[in-house]
Amino acid sequence: MEYYYSDVASNQPRGPITLEQLQAMASSGQLPKGTLVCPVGGQAWLEISSVVAHVPPPLAYVAPLAGSRSNETDPTAIASLVCGLIGFCCGCLTAIPAVVCGHIALANIKRNPSLQGKEMAIAGLIIGYLVILVGILYIIFVGGVVLIEGLAGGK
């Protein structure tokens, strides 16, 4: 005998399939308890457990506890903060890696929410961008002073 079954996801009838195929799909978990089946030519839809002897219960999803996070901190977040802080002493030499590592860390944390270190990555980004900005302003200021002295000295 052949049967139609209801696709749980789309609630659309599928099949027909043989009773053996129906049993195999039910025992593998492809058709959870509560799936409706109807014999070919029949009018009534029945629960699969009335046709197939053993249907495993559907797998339950267990959500993680609210506020539970791993203790793992993204290493690039740490590198971003350290490079940013060292940038105060070394200038743009370590500020650029601080910005790059900060963006990589934020992408990693967004992709894997169990990672920690978002605040460190943001702090490294802010410090890195500030150090780069100060470096650019310094170059503009020194370049301006040299230009003015060159123009004044040339007269």
C-alpha atoms as a PDB file:
ATOM      1  CA  MET A   1       0.000   0.000   0.000  1.00  0.00           C
ATOM      2  CA  GLU A   2       1.196   3.522  -0.749  1.00  0.00           C
ATOM      3  CA  TYR A   3       0.731   6.671   1.305  1.00  0.00           C
ATOM      4  CA  TYR A   4       0.911  10.408   1.013  1.00  0.00           C
ATOM      5  CA  TYR A   5       2.427  12.277   3.922  1.00  0.00           C
ATOM      6  CA  SER A   6       2.300  15.916   4.955  1.00  0.00           C
ATOM      7  CA  ASP A   7       5.558  17.838   4.851  1.00  0.00           C
ATOM      8  CA  VAL A   8       5.768  19.441   8.289  1.00  0.00           C
ATOM      9  CA  ALA A   9       7.764  22.459   7.089  1.00  0.00           C
ATOM     10  CA  SER A  10       5.509  23.452   4.189  1.00  0.00           C
ATOM     11  CA  ASN A  11       2.314  21.588   5.175  1.00  0.00           C
ATOM     12  CA  GLN A  12       2.159  20.240   1.610  1.00  0.00           C
ATOM     13  CA  PRO A  13       1.333  16.630   0.710  1.00  0.00           C
ATOM     14  CA  ARG A  14       4.264  14.531  -0.536  1.00  0.00           C
ATOM     15  CA  GLY A  15       4.395  11.084  -2.077  1.00  0.00           C
ATOM     16  CA  PRO A  16       3.080   8.597  -2.735  1.00  0.00           C
ATOM     17  CA  ILE A  17       5.604   6.324  -1.014  1.00  0.00           C
ATOM     18  CA  THR A  18       5.398   2.697   0.045  1.00  0.00           C
ATOM     19  CA  LEU A  19       4.704   1.611   3.615  1.00  0.00           C
ATOM     20  CA  GLU A  20       8.331   0.400   3.879  1.00  0.00           C
ATOM     21  CA  GLN A  21       9.620   3.831   2.807  1.00  0.00           C
ATOM     22  CA  LEU A  22       7.234   5.473   5.272  1.00  0.00           C
ATOM     23  CA  GLN A  23       8.523   3.234   8.079  1.00  0.00           C
ATOM     24  CA  ALA A  24      12.152   3.938   7.143  1.00  0.00           C
ATOM     25  CA  MET A  25      11.578   7.700   7.079  1.00  0.00           C
ATOM     26  CA  ALA A  26       9.743   7.574  10.408  1.00  0.00           C
ATOM     27  CA  SER A  27      12.418   5.483  12.130  1.00  0.00           C
ATOM     28  CA  SER A  28      15.207   7.772  10.839  1.00  0.00           C
ATOM     29  CA  GLY A  29      13.441  10.820  12.258  1.00  0.00           C
ATOM     30  CA  GLN A  30      12.637  12.388   8.883  1.00  0.00           C
ATOM     31  CA  LEU A  31       8.933  12.131   9.709  1.00  0.00           C
ATOM     32  CA  PRO A  32       8.331  13.171  13.312  1.00  0.00           C
ATOM     33  CA  LYS A  33       5.442  12.145  15.493  1.00  0.00           C
ATOM     34  CA  GLY A  34       2.407  14.171  14.498  1.00  0.00           C
ATOM     35  CA  THR A  35       3.053  13.869  10.755  1.00  0.00           C
ATOM     36  CA  LEU A  36      -0.186  13.160   8.916  1.00  0.00           C
ATOM     37  CA  VAL A  37      -0.461  10.344   6.369  1.00  0.00           C
ATOM     38  CA  CYS A  38      -3.220   9.326   3.956  1.00  0.00           C
ATOM     39  CA  PRO A  39      -3.449   6.104   1.951  1.00  0.00           C
ATOM     40  CA  VAL A  40      -3.636   6.534  -1.812  1.00  0.00           C
ATOM     41  CA  GLY A  41      -7.325   6.740  -2.703  1.00  0.00           C
ATOM     42  CA  GLY A  42      -8.264   7.457   0.917  1.00  0.00           C
ATOM     43  CA  GLN A  43     -10.028  10.533   2.271  1.00  0.00           C
ATOM     44  CA  ALA A  44      -8.937  10.641   5.915  1.00  0.00           C
ATOM     45  CA  TRP A  45      -5.548  11.885   7.061  1.00  0.00           C
ATOM     46  CA  LEU A  46      -4.251   9.925  10.054  1.00  0.00           C
ATOM     47  CA  GLU A  47      -1.408  10.518  12.453  1.00  0.00           C
ATOM     48  CA  ILE A  48       1.659   8.550  11.368  1.00  0.00           C
ATOM     49  CA  SER A  49       1.763   6.620  14.658  1.00  0.00           C
ATOM     50  CA  SER A  50      -1.533   4.919  13.718  1.00  0.00           C
ATOM     51  CA  VAL A  51       0.084   3.511  10.549  1.00  0.00           C
ATOM     52  CA  VAL A  52       3.720   2.980  11.562  1.00  0.00           C
ATOM     53  CA  ALA A  53       4.423   1.010  14.736  1.00  0.00           C
ATOM     54  CA  HIS A  54       7.301   3.054  16.183  1.00  0.00           C
ATOM     55  CA  VAL A  55       7.776   6.753  15.510  1.00  0.00           C
ATOM     56  CA  PRO A  56      10.471   8.467  17.564  1.00  0.00           C
ATOM     57  CA  PRO A  57       9.439  11.723  19.242  1.00  0.00           C
ATOM     58  CA  PRO A  58      10.675  14.890  17.555  1.00  0.00           C
ATOM     59  CA  LEU A  59      14.023  16.150  18.758  1.00  0.00           C
ATOM     60  CA  ALA A  60      13.611  19.011  21.155  1.00  0.00           C
ATOM     61  CA  TYR A  61      15.699  22.130  20.775  1.00  0.00           C
ATOM     62  CA  VAL A  62      17.272  23.214  24.012  1.00  0.00           C
ATOM     63  CA  ALA A  63      18.108  26.896  23.947  1.00  0.00           C
ATOM     64  CA  PRO A  64      21.191  28.034  25.846  1.00  0.00           C
ATOM     65  CA  LEU A  65      20.556  29.648  29.180  1.00  0.00           C
ATOM     66  CA  ALA A  66      20.036  33.387  29.064  1.00  0.00           C
ATOM     67  CA  GLY A  67      23.254  35.192  29.795  1.00  0.00           C
ATOM     68  CA  SER A  68      25.373  32.062  29.445  1.00  0.00           C
ATOM     69  CA  ARG A  69      28.506  32.724  27.461  1.00  0.00           C
ATOM     70  CA  SER A  70      31.779  30.968  27.097  1.00  0.00           C
ATOM     71  CA  ASN A  71      34.812  32.334  28.824  1.00  0.00           C
ATOM     72  CA  GLU A  72      36.732  32.443  25.566  1.00  0.00           C
ATOM     73  CA  THR A  73      37.852  35.892  24.467  1.00  0.00           C
ATOM     74  CA  ASP A  74      38.629  36.474  20.818  1.00  0.00           C
ATOM     75  CA  PRO A  75      42.439  36.816  20.574  1.00  0.00           C
ATOM     76  CA  THR A  76      42.235  39.484  17.870  1.00  0.00           C
ATOM     77  CA  ALA A  77      40.219  41.659  20.274  1.00  0.00           C
ATOM     78  CA  ILE A  78      43.069  41.454  22.767  1.00  0.00           C
ATOM     79  CA  ALA A  79      45.597  42.204  20.012  1.00  0.00           C
ATOM     80  CA  SER A  80      43.549  45.222  18.929  1.00  0.00           C
ATOM     81  CA  LEU A  81      43.524  46.723  22.418  1.00  0.00           C
ATOM     82  CA  VAL A  82      47.214  46.009  23.051  1.00  0.00           C
ATOM     83  CA  CYS A  83      48.288  47.425  19.671  1.00  0.00           C
ATOM     84  CA  GLY A  84      46.135  50.494  20.237  1.00  0.00           C
ATOM     85  CA  LEU A  85      47.658  51.146  23.660  1.00  0.00           C
ATOM     86  CA  ILE A  86      51.184  50.630  22.359  1.00  0.00           C
ATOM     87  CA  GLY A  87      50.286  53.073  19.583  1.00  0.00           C
ATOM     88  CA  PHE A  88      50.460  55.895  22.151  1.00  0.00           C
ATOM     89  CA  CYS A  89      54.211  55.219  22.362  1.00  0.00           C
ATOM     90  CA  CYS A  90      54.972  54.011  18.832  1.00  0.00           C
ATOM     91  CA  GLY A  91      52.528  56.089  16.804  1.00  0.00           C
ATOM     92  CA  CYS A  92      50.957  54.711  13.664  1.00  0.00           C
ATOM     93  CA  LEU A  93      53.320  51.750  13.650  1.00  0.00           C
ATOM     94  CA  THR A  94      50.935  49.736  15.848  1.00  0.00           C
ATOM     95  CA  ALA A  95      47.760  51.809  15.423  1.00  0.00           C
ATOM     96  CA  ILE A  96      47.028  50.395  11.972  1.00  0.00           C
ATOM     97  CA  PRO A  97      47.231  46.771  13.197  1.00  0.00           C
ATOM     98  CA  ALA A  98      44.975  47.804  16.113  1.00  0.00           C
ATOM     99  CA  VAL A  99      42.301  48.941  13.652  1.00  0.00           C
ATOM    100  CA  VAL A 100      42.670  45.856  11.448  1.00  0.00           C
ATOM    101  CA  CYS A 101      42.546  43.463  14.418  1.00  0.00           C
ATOM    102  CA  GLY A 102      39.572  45.343  15.871  1.00  0.00           C
ATOM    103  CA  HIS A 103      37.528  44.906  12.708  1.00  0.00           C
ATOM    104  CA  ILE A 104      38.499  41.233  12.442  1.00  0.00           C
ATOM    105  CA  ALA A 105      37.551  40.672  16.096  1.00  0.00           C
ATOM    106  CA  LEU A 106      34.139  42.312  15.667  1.00  0.00           C
ATOM    107  CA  ALA A 107      33.466  40.138  12.607  1.00  0.00           C
ATOM    108  CA  ASN A 108      34.502  36.994  14.528  1.00  0.00           C
ATOM    109  CA  ILE A 109      32.309  37.920  17.496  1.00  0.00           C
ATOM    110  CA  LYS A 110      29.354  38.654  15.221  1.00  0.00           C
ATOM    111  CA  ARG A 111      29.829  35.280  13.521  1.00  0.00           C
ATOM    112  CA  ASN A 112      30.244  33.424  16.847  1.00  0.00           C
ATOM    113  CA  PRO A 113      28.248  35.170  19.615  1.00  0.00           C
ATOM    114  CA  SER A 114      29.711  32.893  22.299  1.00  0.00           C
ATOM    115  CA  LEU A 115      33.049  34.709  21.961  1.00  0.00           C
ATOM    116  CA  GLN A 116      33.752  37.597  24.280  1.00  0.00           C
ATOM    117  CA  GLY A 117      35.884  40.681  23.741  1.00  0.00           C
ATOM    118  CA  LYS A 118      33.571  43.027  21.850  1.00  0.00           C
ATOM    119  CA  GLU A 119      34.356  45.880  24.253  1.00  0.00           C
ATOM    120  CA  MET A 120      38.102  45.295  23.887  1.00  0.00           C
ATOM    121  CA  ALA A 121      37.820  45.298  20.108  1.00  0.00           C
ATOM    122  CA  ILE A 122      35.841  48.562  20.148  1.00  0.00           C
ATOM    123  CA  ALA A 123      38.340  50.149  22.543  1.00  0.00           C
ATOM    124  CA  GLY A 124      41.232  49.041  20.305  1.00  0.00           C
ATOM    125  CA  LEU A 125      39.451  50.493  17.267  1.00  0.00           C
ATOM    126  CA  ILE A 126      38.804  53.838  18.954  1.00  0.00           C
ATOM    127  CA  ILE A 127      42.353  54.139  20.273  1.00  0.00           C
ATOM    128  CA  GLY A 128      43.822  53.024  16.937  1.00  0.00           C
ATOM    129  CA  TYR A 129      41.778  55.536  14.951  1.00  0.00           C
ATOM    130  CA  LEU A 130      42.662  58.326  17.420  1.00  0.00           C
ATOM    131  CA  VAL A 131      46.373  57.561  17.192  1.00  0.00           C
ATOM    132  CA  ILE A 132      46.154  57.522  13.378  1.00  0.00           C
ATOM    133  CA  LEU A 133      44.281  60.852  13.440  1.00  0.00           C
ATOM    134  CA  VAL A 134      46.893  62.408  15.745  1.00  0.00           C
ATOM    135  CA  GLY A 135      49.632  61.088  13.442  1.00  0.00           C
ATOM    136  CA  ILE A 136      47.982  62.626  10.382  1.00  0.00           C
ATOM    137  CA  LEU A 137      47.470  65.952  12.167  1.00  0.00           C
ATOM    138  CA  TYR A 138      51.110  65.889  13.280  1.00  0.00           C
ATOM    139  CA  ILE A 139      52.293  65.307   9.712  1.00  0.00           C
ATOM    140  CA  ILE A 140      50.088  68.138   8.437  1.00  0.00           C
ATOM    141  CA  PHE A 141      51.288  70.472  11.199  1.00  0.00           C
ATOM    142  CA  VAL A 142      54.981  69.671  10.737  1.00  0.00           C
ATOM    143  CA  GLY A 143      54.617  69.854   6.942  1.00  0.00           C
ATOM    144  CA  GLY A 144      52.916  73.233   7.276  1.00  0.00           C
ATOM    145  CA  VAL A 145      55.620  74.578   9.556  1.00  0.00           C
ATOM    146  CA  VAL A 146      58.364  73.380   7.198  1.00  0.00           C
ATOM    147  CA  LEU A 147      56.529  74.898   4.242  1.00  0.00           C
ATOM    148  CA  ILE A 148      56.079  78.244   6.007  1.00  0.00           C
ATOM    149  CA  GLU A 149      59.729  78.336   7.121  1.00  0.00           C
ATOM    150  CA  GLY A 150      60.826  77.421   3.619  1.00  0.00           C
ATOM    151  CA  LEU A 151      58.782  80.243   2.114  1.00  0.00           C
ATOM    152  CA  ALA A 152      59.908  82.743   4.737  1.00  0.00           C
ATOM    153  CA  GLY A 153      63.559  81.692   4.515  1.00  0.00           C
ATOM    154  CA  GLY A 154      63.569  81.907   0.735  1.00  0.00           C
ATOM    155  CA  LYS A 155      62.922  85.677   0.717  1.00  0.00           C
END
